[in-house]
Amino acid sequence: MRTVDGRVAGRRGQATRQKLLDCLSEMLSSSPYRDVKVIDVARKAGTSPATFYQYFPDVEGAVLEIADQMAADGAGLTQLLEGRSWAGKSGWQTSQELVDGFLDFWKKHDAILRVVDLGAAEGDKRFYKIRMKILNSVNSSLADSIAELQSKGRVDKDVNPSAMAGSLVAMLAAVASHQKGFSSWGVKQAELKPNLALLVHLGVTGRKPSK
């Protein structure tokens, strides 16, 4: 772990650096990204702006660090699909667990994901790559699952596995980022998940689930 000027950070320095990141994460959950200033992060962490600048070039640099950590955590989403069956009742369970895991991940990292989405939407390639890294962890596995079912004649030959997987992942991401908005439509979280899982199951297998 190095400082901005290339020096190796000691144990105390690493702890200070992580505390700054933790405080920034906390602030992002309650304040708009554009309103967060270095002096506020430093004050919350009980240190100075000069110390902040030892470890990060600016707030955006620190945000990207948090986003990278979050994306590494997102790689675990592949485990929701690895070695899983889409046949019969197992397929329904797989689709439910994928939805549960995806929505839980989004809720856990809601604050930083909002910033990543904003940066990606504005064309910042650094944020776009992080967003795609998270989505790719599910997209590739889903595409492989659909292609495997297709090779066994269980999915229509006209289906494009990559296009279907990409559409499902984009839907999952859109729903996950809009979770709070569903309540204004009179939809409870407990009602959202099974309906979303139904759409995923239909998309992957082309069939209604066996429950």
C-alpha atoms as a PDB file:
ATOM      1  CA  MET A   1       0.000   0.000   0.000  1.00  0.00           C
ATOM      2  CA  ARG A   2       1.598   3.271  -1.123  1.00  0.00           C
ATOM      3  CA  THR A   3       0.932   6.956  -0.584  1.00  0.00           C
ATOM      4  CA  VAL A   4       0.277   9.348  -3.466  1.00  0.00           C
ATOM      5  CA  ASP A   5       3.971  10.264  -3.616  1.00  0.00           C
ATOM      6  CA  GLY A   6       5.024   6.605  -3.808  1.00  0.00           C
ATOM      7  CA  ARG A   7       6.083   5.962  -0.194  1.00  0.00           C
ATOM      8  CA  VAL A   8       5.090   2.654   1.403  1.00  0.00           C
ATOM      9  CA  ALA A   9       2.364   3.187   3.998  1.00  0.00           C
ATOM     10  CA  GLY A  10       2.978   1.552   7.370  1.00  0.00           C
ATOM     11  CA  ARG A  11       0.385  -0.234   9.462  1.00  0.00           C
ATOM     12  CA  ARG A  12      -0.786   3.016  11.058  1.00  0.00           C
ATOM     13  CA  GLY A  13      -0.956   4.721   7.674  1.00  0.00           C
ATOM     14  CA  GLN A  14      -2.989   1.872   6.206  1.00  0.00           C
ATOM     15  CA  ALA A  15      -5.415   2.093   9.113  1.00  0.00           C
ATOM     16  CA  THR A  16      -5.810   5.853   8.554  1.00  0.00           C
ATOM     17  CA  ARG A  17      -6.337   5.288   4.838  1.00  0.00           C
ATOM     18  CA  GLN A  18      -9.050   2.702   5.481  1.00  0.00           C
ATOM     19  CA  LYS A  19     -10.723   4.949   8.041  1.00  0.00           C
ATOM     20  CA  LEU A  20     -10.916   7.718   5.439  1.00  0.00           C
ATOM     21  CA  LEU A  21     -12.532   5.283   2.982  1.00  0.00           C
ATOM     22  CA  ASP A  22     -14.999   4.063   5.627  1.00  0.00           C
ATOM     23  CA  CYS A  23     -15.983   7.637   6.512  1.00  0.00           C
ATOM     24  CA  LEU A  24     -16.393   8.529   2.834  1.00  0.00           C
ATOM     25  CA  SER A  25     -18.602   5.458   2.305  1.00  0.00           C
ATOM     26  CA  GLU A  26     -20.764   6.500   5.229  1.00  0.00           C
ATOM     27  CA  MET A  27     -21.073  10.040   3.895  1.00  0.00           C
ATOM     28  CA  LEU A  28     -22.057   8.822   0.422  1.00  0.00           C
ATOM     29  CA  SER A  29     -25.015   6.991   1.940  1.00  0.00           C
ATOM     30  CA  SER A  30     -26.454  10.230   3.324  1.00  0.00           C
ATOM     31  CA  SER A  31     -25.111  12.999   1.065  1.00  0.00           C
ATOM     32  CA  PRO A  32     -25.089  13.607  -2.702  1.00  0.00           C
ATOM     33  CA  TYR A  33     -21.717  12.634  -4.213  1.00  0.00           C
ATOM     34  CA  ARG A  34     -21.084  16.160  -5.547  1.00  0.00           C
ATOM     35  CA  ASP A  35     -21.550  17.664  -2.067  1.00  0.00           C
ATOM     36  CA  VAL A  36     -18.859  15.567  -0.379  1.00  0.00           C
ATOM     37  CA  LYS A  37     -15.663  17.601   0.201  1.00  0.00           C
ATOM     38  CA  VAL A  38     -12.199  16.497   1.293  1.00  0.00           C
ATOM     39  CA  ILE A  39     -12.297  18.679   4.395  1.00  0.00           C
ATOM     40  CA  ASP A  40     -15.577  17.032   5.511  1.00  0.00           C
ATOM     41  CA  VAL A  41     -14.222  13.503   5.022  1.00  0.00           C
ATOM     42  CA  ALA A  42     -11.022  14.383   6.902  1.00  0.00           C
ATOM     43  CA  ARG A  43     -12.939  15.986   9.758  1.00  0.00           C
ATOM     44  CA  LYS A  44     -15.219  12.946  10.085  1.00  0.00           C
ATOM     45  CA  ALA A  45     -12.154  10.681  10.189  1.00  0.00           C
ATOM     46  CA  GLY A  46     -10.551  12.859  12.843  1.00  0.00           C
ATOM     47  CA  THR A  47      -7.636  13.897  10.668  1.00  0.00           C
ATOM     48  CA  SER A  48      -6.634  16.699   8.275  1.00  0.00           C
ATOM     49  CA  PRO A  49      -7.111  17.366   4.545  1.00  0.00           C
ATOM     50  CA  ALA A  50      -3.329  17.136   4.193  1.00  0.00           C
ATOM     51  CA  THR A  51      -3.475  13.563   5.485  1.00  0.00           C
ATOM     52  CA  PHE A  52      -6.296  12.758   3.034  1.00  0.00           C
ATOM     53  CA  TYR A  53      -4.145  14.008   0.143  1.00  0.00           C
ATOM     54  CA  GLN A  54      -1.315  11.721   1.241  1.00  0.00           C
ATOM     55  CA  TYR A  55      -3.446   8.748   0.233  1.00  0.00           C
ATOM     56  CA  PHE A  56      -5.831  10.014  -2.446  1.00  0.00           C
ATOM     57  CA  PRO A  57      -5.562  12.667  -5.195  1.00  0.00           C
ATOM     58  CA  ASP A  58      -9.144  13.829  -4.581  1.00  0.00           C
ATOM     59  CA  VAL A  59     -12.589  12.623  -3.498  1.00  0.00           C
ATOM     60  CA  GLU A  60     -13.135  10.949  -6.871  1.00  0.00           C
ATOM     61  CA  GLY A  61      -9.919   8.964  -6.468  1.00  0.00           C
ATOM     62  CA  ALA A  62     -11.080   7.707  -3.080  1.00  0.00           C
ATOM     63  CA  VAL A  63     -14.529   6.891  -4.489  1.00  0.00           C
ATOM     64  CA  LEU A  64     -12.916   4.801  -7.241  1.00  0.00           C
ATOM     65  CA  GLU A  65     -10.975   2.913  -4.571  1.00  0.00           C
ATOM     66  CA  ILE A  66     -14.237   2.067  -2.762  1.00  0.00           C
ATOM     67  CA  ALA A  67     -15.816   1.111  -6.075  1.00  0.00           C
ATOM     68  CA  ASP A  68     -12.918  -1.247  -6.880  1.00  0.00           C
ATOM     69  CA  GLN A  69     -13.337  -2.957  -3.506  1.00  0.00           C
ATOM     70  CA  MET A  70     -17.065  -3.286  -4.156  1.00  0.00           C
ATOM     71  CA  ALA A  71     -16.452  -4.748  -7.631  1.00  0.00           C
ATOM     72  CA  ALA A  72     -14.120  -7.348  -6.114  1.00  0.00           C
ATOM     73  CA  ASP A  73     -16.956  -8.293  -3.757  1.00  0.00           C
ATOM     74  CA  GLY A  74     -19.259  -8.465  -6.793  1.00  0.00           C
ATOM     75  CA  ALA A  75     -17.116 -11.229  -8.294  1.00  0.00           C
ATOM     76  CA  GLY A  76     -18.747 -13.475  -5.698  1.00  0.00           C
ATOM     77  CA  LEU A  77     -22.026 -13.180  -7.605  1.00  0.00           C
ATOM     78  CA  THR A  78     -20.727 -15.870  -9.985  1.00  0.00           C
ATOM     79  CA  GLN A  79     -21.164 -18.373  -7.139  1.00  0.00           C
ATOM     80  CA  LEU A  80     -24.936 -17.909  -7.444  1.00  0.00           C
ATOM     81  CA  LEU A  81     -24.791 -19.695 -10.798  1.00  0.00           C
ATOM     82  CA  GLU A  82     -21.709 -21.934 -10.744  1.00  0.00           C
ATOM     83  CA  GLY A  83     -22.664 -25.580 -11.107  1.00  0.00           C
ATOM     84  CA  ARG A  84     -26.352 -24.817 -10.653  1.00  0.00           C
ATOM     85  CA  SER A  85     -29.119 -26.706 -12.438  1.00  0.00           C
ATOM     86  CA  TRP A  86     -31.965 -25.059 -14.374  1.00  0.00           C
ATOM     87  CA  ALA A  87     -33.986 -28.279 -14.631  1.00  0.00           C
ATOM     88  CA  GLY A  88     -37.336 -28.720 -12.873  1.00  0.00           C
ATOM     89  CA  LYS A  89     -37.645 -27.458  -9.307  1.00  0.00           C
ATOM     90  CA  SER A  90     -33.887 -26.848  -9.160  1.00  0.00           C
ATOM     91  CA  GLY A  91     -34.263 -24.246 -11.896  1.00  0.00           C
ATOM     92  CA  TRP A  92     -36.841 -22.342  -9.878  1.00  0.00           C
ATOM     93  CA  GLN A  93     -34.548 -22.410  -6.836  1.00  0.00           C
ATOM     94  CA  THR A  94     -31.608 -21.196  -8.937  1.00  0.00           C
ATOM     95  CA  SER A  95     -33.574 -18.246 -10.308  1.00  0.00           C
ATOM     96  CA  GLN A  96     -34.822 -17.314  -6.817  1.00  0.00           C
ATOM     97  CA  GLU A  97     -31.356 -17.443  -5.286  1.00  0.00           C
ATOM     98  CA  LEU A  98     -29.902 -15.396  -8.146  1.00  0.00           C
ATOM     99  CA  VAL A  99     -32.513 -12.682  -7.605  1.00  0.00           C
ATOM    100  CA  ASP A 100     -32.026 -12.752  -3.825  1.00  0.00           C
ATOM    101  CA  GLY A 101     -28.246 -12.500  -4.117  1.00  0.00           C
ATOM    102  CA  PHE A 102     -28.323  -9.791  -6.776  1.00  0.00           C
ATOM    103  CA  LEU A 103     -30.810  -7.569  -4.926  1.00  0.00           C
ATOM    104  CA  ASP A 104     -29.004  -8.070  -1.613  1.00  0.00           C
ATOM    105  CA  PHE A 105     -25.670  -7.106  -3.191  1.00  0.00           C
ATOM    106  CA  TRP A 106     -27.231  -3.938  -4.644  1.00  0.00           C
ATOM    107  CA  LYS A 107     -28.819  -3.022  -1.321  1.00  0.00           C
ATOM    108  CA  LYS A 108     -25.539  -3.584   0.549  1.00  0.00           C
ATOM    109  CA  HIS A 109     -23.588  -1.336  -1.845  1.00  0.00           C
ATOM    110  CA  ASP A 110     -26.396   1.046  -2.749  1.00  0.00           C
ATOM    111  CA  ALA A 111     -24.522   4.303  -2.024  1.00  0.00           C
ATOM    112  CA  ILE A 112     -21.396   3.545  -4.066  1.00  0.00           C
ATOM    113  CA  LEU A 113     -23.397   1.900  -6.875  1.00  0.00           C
ATOM    114  CA  ARG A 114     -25.386   5.126  -7.314  1.00  0.00           C
ATOM    115  CA  VAL A 115     -22.094   6.978  -7.816  1.00  0.00           C
ATOM    116  CA  VAL A 116     -20.810   4.305 -10.210  1.00  0.00           C
ATOM    117  CA  ASP A 117     -24.040   4.485 -12.236  1.00  0.00           C
ATOM    118  CA  LEU A 118     -23.781   8.283 -12.360  1.00  0.00           C
ATOM    119  CA  GLY A 119     -20.174   8.215 -13.514  1.00  0.00           C
ATOM    120  CA  ALA A 120     -20.889   5.508 -16.120  1.00  0.00           C
ATOM    121  CA  ALA A 121     -23.917   7.434 -17.419  1.00  0.00           C
ATOM    122  CA  GLU A 122     -21.737  10.521 -17.835  1.00  0.00           C
ATOM    123  CA  GLY A 123     -19.266   8.548 -19.939  1.00  0.00           C
ATOM    124  CA  ASP A 124     -16.468   8.126 -17.393  1.00  0.00           C
ATOM    125  CA  LYS A 125     -14.731   4.953 -18.609  1.00  0.00           C
ATOM    126  CA  ARG A 126     -13.322   4.174 -15.155  1.00  0.00           C
ATOM    127  CA  PHE A 127     -16.789   3.920 -13.618  1.00  0.00           C
ATOM    128  CA  TYR A 128     -18.148   2.175 -16.724  1.00  0.00           C
ATOM    129  CA  LYS A 129     -15.491  -0.565 -16.434  1.00  0.00           C
ATOM    130  CA  ILE A 130     -16.329  -1.114 -12.766  1.00  0.00           C
ATOM    131  CA  ARG A 131     -20.043  -1.363 -13.544  1.00  0.00           C
ATOM    132  CA  MET A 132     -19.415  -3.837 -16.359  1.00  0.00           C
ATOM    133  CA  LYS A 133     -17.096  -5.897 -14.152  1.00  0.00           C
ATOM    134  CA  ILE A 134     -19.972  -6.422 -11.707  1.00  0.00           C
ATOM    135  CA  LEU A 135     -22.553  -7.191 -14.404  1.00  0.00           C
ATOM    136  CA  ASN A 136     -20.166  -9.471 -16.315  1.00  0.00           C
ATOM    137  CA  SER A 137     -19.806 -11.709 -13.262  1.00  0.00           C
ATOM    138  CA  VAL A 138     -23.459 -12.710 -13.749  1.00  0.00           C
ATOM    139  CA  ASN A 139     -23.803 -12.151 -17.500  1.00  0.00           C
ATOM    140  CA  SER A 140     -21.144 -14.668 -18.545  1.00  0.00           C
ATOM    141  CA  SER A 141     -22.502 -17.413 -16.283  1.00  0.00           C
ATOM    142  CA  LEU A 142     -26.079 -16.828 -17.449  1.00  0.00           C
ATOM    143  CA  ALA A 143     -25.061 -16.882 -21.119  1.00  0.00           C
ATOM    144  CA  ASP A 144     -23.205 -20.177 -20.554  1.00  0.00           C
ATOM    145  CA  SER A 145     -26.270 -21.672 -18.829  1.00  0.00           C
ATOM    146  CA  ILE A 146     -28.568 -20.684 -21.701  1.00  0.00           C
ATOM    147  CA  ALA A 147     -26.105 -21.967 -24.315  1.00  0.00           C
ATOM    148  CA  GLU A 148     -25.845 -25.301 -22.480  1.00  0.00           C
ATOM    149  CA  LEU A 149     -29.637 -25.691 -22.361  1.00  0.00           C
ATOM    150  CA  GLN A 150     -29.772 -24.781 -26.052  1.00  0.00           C
ATOM    151  CA  SER A 151     -27.184 -27.445 -26.920  1.00  0.00           C
ATOM    152  CA  LYS A 152     -29.451 -30.017 -25.232  1.00  0.00           C
ATOM    153  CA  GLY A 153     -32.456 -28.847 -27.253  1.00  0.00           C
ATOM    154  CA  ARG A 154     -34.212 -27.401 -24.212  1.00  0.00           C
ATOM    155  CA  VAL A 155     -34.032 -23.779 -25.399  1.00  0.00           C
ATOM    156  CA  ASP A 156     -35.231 -22.571 -28.809  1.00  0.00           C
ATOM    157  CA  LYS A 157     -32.411 -22.439 -31.377  1.00  0.00           C
ATOM    158  CA  ASP A 158     -33.392 -18.880 -32.345  1.00  0.00           C
ATOM    159  CA  VAL A 159     -32.461 -17.557 -28.893  1.00  0.00           C
ATOM    160  CA  ASN A 160     -29.137 -15.717 -28.725  1.00  0.00           C
ATOM    161  CA  PRO A 161     -27.643 -16.697 -25.323  1.00  0.00           C
ATOM    162  CA  SER A 162     -25.547 -13.518 -24.973  1.00  0.00           C
ATOM    163  CA  ALA A 163     -28.425 -11.221 -25.920  1.00  0.00           C
ATOM    164  CA  MET A 164     -30.825 -12.985 -23.543  1.00  0.00           C
ATOM    165  CA  ALA A 165     -28.319 -13.019 -20.671  1.00  0.00           C
ATOM    166  CA  GLY A 166     -27.466  -9.351 -21.224  1.00  0.00           C
ATOM    167  CA  SER A 167     -31.135  -8.391 -21.239  1.00  0.00           C
ATOM    168  CA  LEU A 168     -31.795 -10.295 -18.011  1.00  0.00           C
ATOM    169  CA  VAL A 169     -28.768  -8.778 -16.249  1.00  0.00           C
ATOM    170  CA  ALA A 170     -29.729  -5.255 -17.381  1.00  0.00           C
ATOM    171  CA  MET A 171     -33.232  -5.905 -16.036  1.00  0.00           C
ATOM    172  CA  LEU A 172     -31.851  -7.153 -12.716  1.00  0.00           C
ATOM    173  CA  ALA A 173     -29.632  -4.073 -12.370  1.00  0.00           C
ATOM    174  CA  ALA A 174     -32.486  -1.693 -13.216  1.00  0.00           C
ATOM    175  CA  VAL A 175     -34.850  -3.343 -10.736  1.00  0.00           C
ATOM    176  CA  ALA A 176     -32.151  -3.541  -8.063  1.00  0.00           C
ATOM    177  CA  SER A 177     -31.423   0.185  -8.305  1.00  0.00           C
ATOM    178  CA  HIS A 178     -35.175   0.949  -8.166  1.00  0.00           C
ATOM    179  CA  GLN A 179     -36.037  -1.256  -5.166  1.00  0.00           C
ATOM    180  CA  LYS A 180     -37.259   1.615  -2.999  1.00  0.00           C
ATOM    181  CA  GLY A 181     -39.440   2.925  -5.841  1.00  0.00           C
ATOM    182  CA  PHE A 182     -41.564  -0.217  -5.987  1.00  0.00           C
ATOM    183  CA  SER A 183     -43.213   0.661  -2.681  1.00  0.00           C
ATOM    184  CA  SER A 184     -44.766   3.732  -4.338  1.00  0.00           C
ATOM    185  CA  TRP A 185     -46.426   1.308  -6.768  1.00  0.00           C
ATOM    186  CA  GLY A 186     -47.801  -0.702  -3.864  1.00  0.00           C
ATOM    187  CA  VAL A 187     -45.306  -3.543  -4.363  1.00  0.00           C
ATOM    188  CA  LYS A 188     -43.697  -5.089  -1.297  1.00  0.00           C
ATOM    189  CA  GLN A 189     -40.167  -6.523  -1.379  1.00  0.00           C
ATOM    190  CA  ALA A 190     -41.576  -9.992  -0.631  1.00  0.00           C
ATOM    191  CA  GLU A 191     -43.779  -9.674  -3.746  1.00  0.00           C
ATOM    192  CA  LEU A 192     -41.051  -8.270  -5.977  1.00  0.00           C
ATOM    193  CA  LYS A 193     -38.558 -11.112  -5.658  1.00  0.00           C
ATOM    194  CA  PRO A 194     -40.707 -14.065  -6.851  1.00  0.00           C
ATOM    195  CA  ASN A 195     -42.024 -12.077  -9.809  1.00  0.00           C
ATOM    196  CA  LEU A 196     -38.515 -11.070 -10.829  1.00  0.00           C
ATOM    197  CA  ALA A 197     -37.369 -14.682 -10.378  1.00  0.00           C
ATOM    198  CA  LEU A 198     -40.215 -15.781 -12.674  1.00  0.00           C
ATOM    199  CA  LEU A 199     -38.975 -13.453 -15.426  1.00  0.00           C
ATOM    200  CA  VAL A 200     -35.402 -14.739 -15.012  1.00  0.00           C
ATOM    201  CA  HIS A 201     -36.572 -18.365 -15.168  1.00  0.00           C
ATOM    202  CA  LEU A 202     -38.672 -17.692 -18.281  1.00  0.00           C
ATOM    203  CA  GLY A 203     -35.747 -15.893 -19.915  1.00  0.00           C
ATOM    204  CA  VAL A 204     -33.223 -18.662 -19.252  1.00  0.00           C
ATOM    205  CA  THR A 205     -35.379 -21.746 -19.837  1.00  0.00           C
ATOM    206  CA  GLY A 206     -38.278 -20.446 -21.940  1.00  0.00           C
ATOM    207  CA  ARG A 207     -40.594 -22.285 -19.549  1.00  0.00           C
ATOM    208  CA  LYS A 208     -42.719 -21.587 -16.489  1.00  0.00           C
ATOM    209  CA  PRO A 209     -40.997 -22.920 -13.361  1.00  0.00           C
ATOM    210  CA  SER A 210     -41.899 -26.196 -11.658  1.00  0.00           C
ATOM    211  CA  LYS A 211     -42.574 -25.214  -8.062  1.00  0.00           C
END
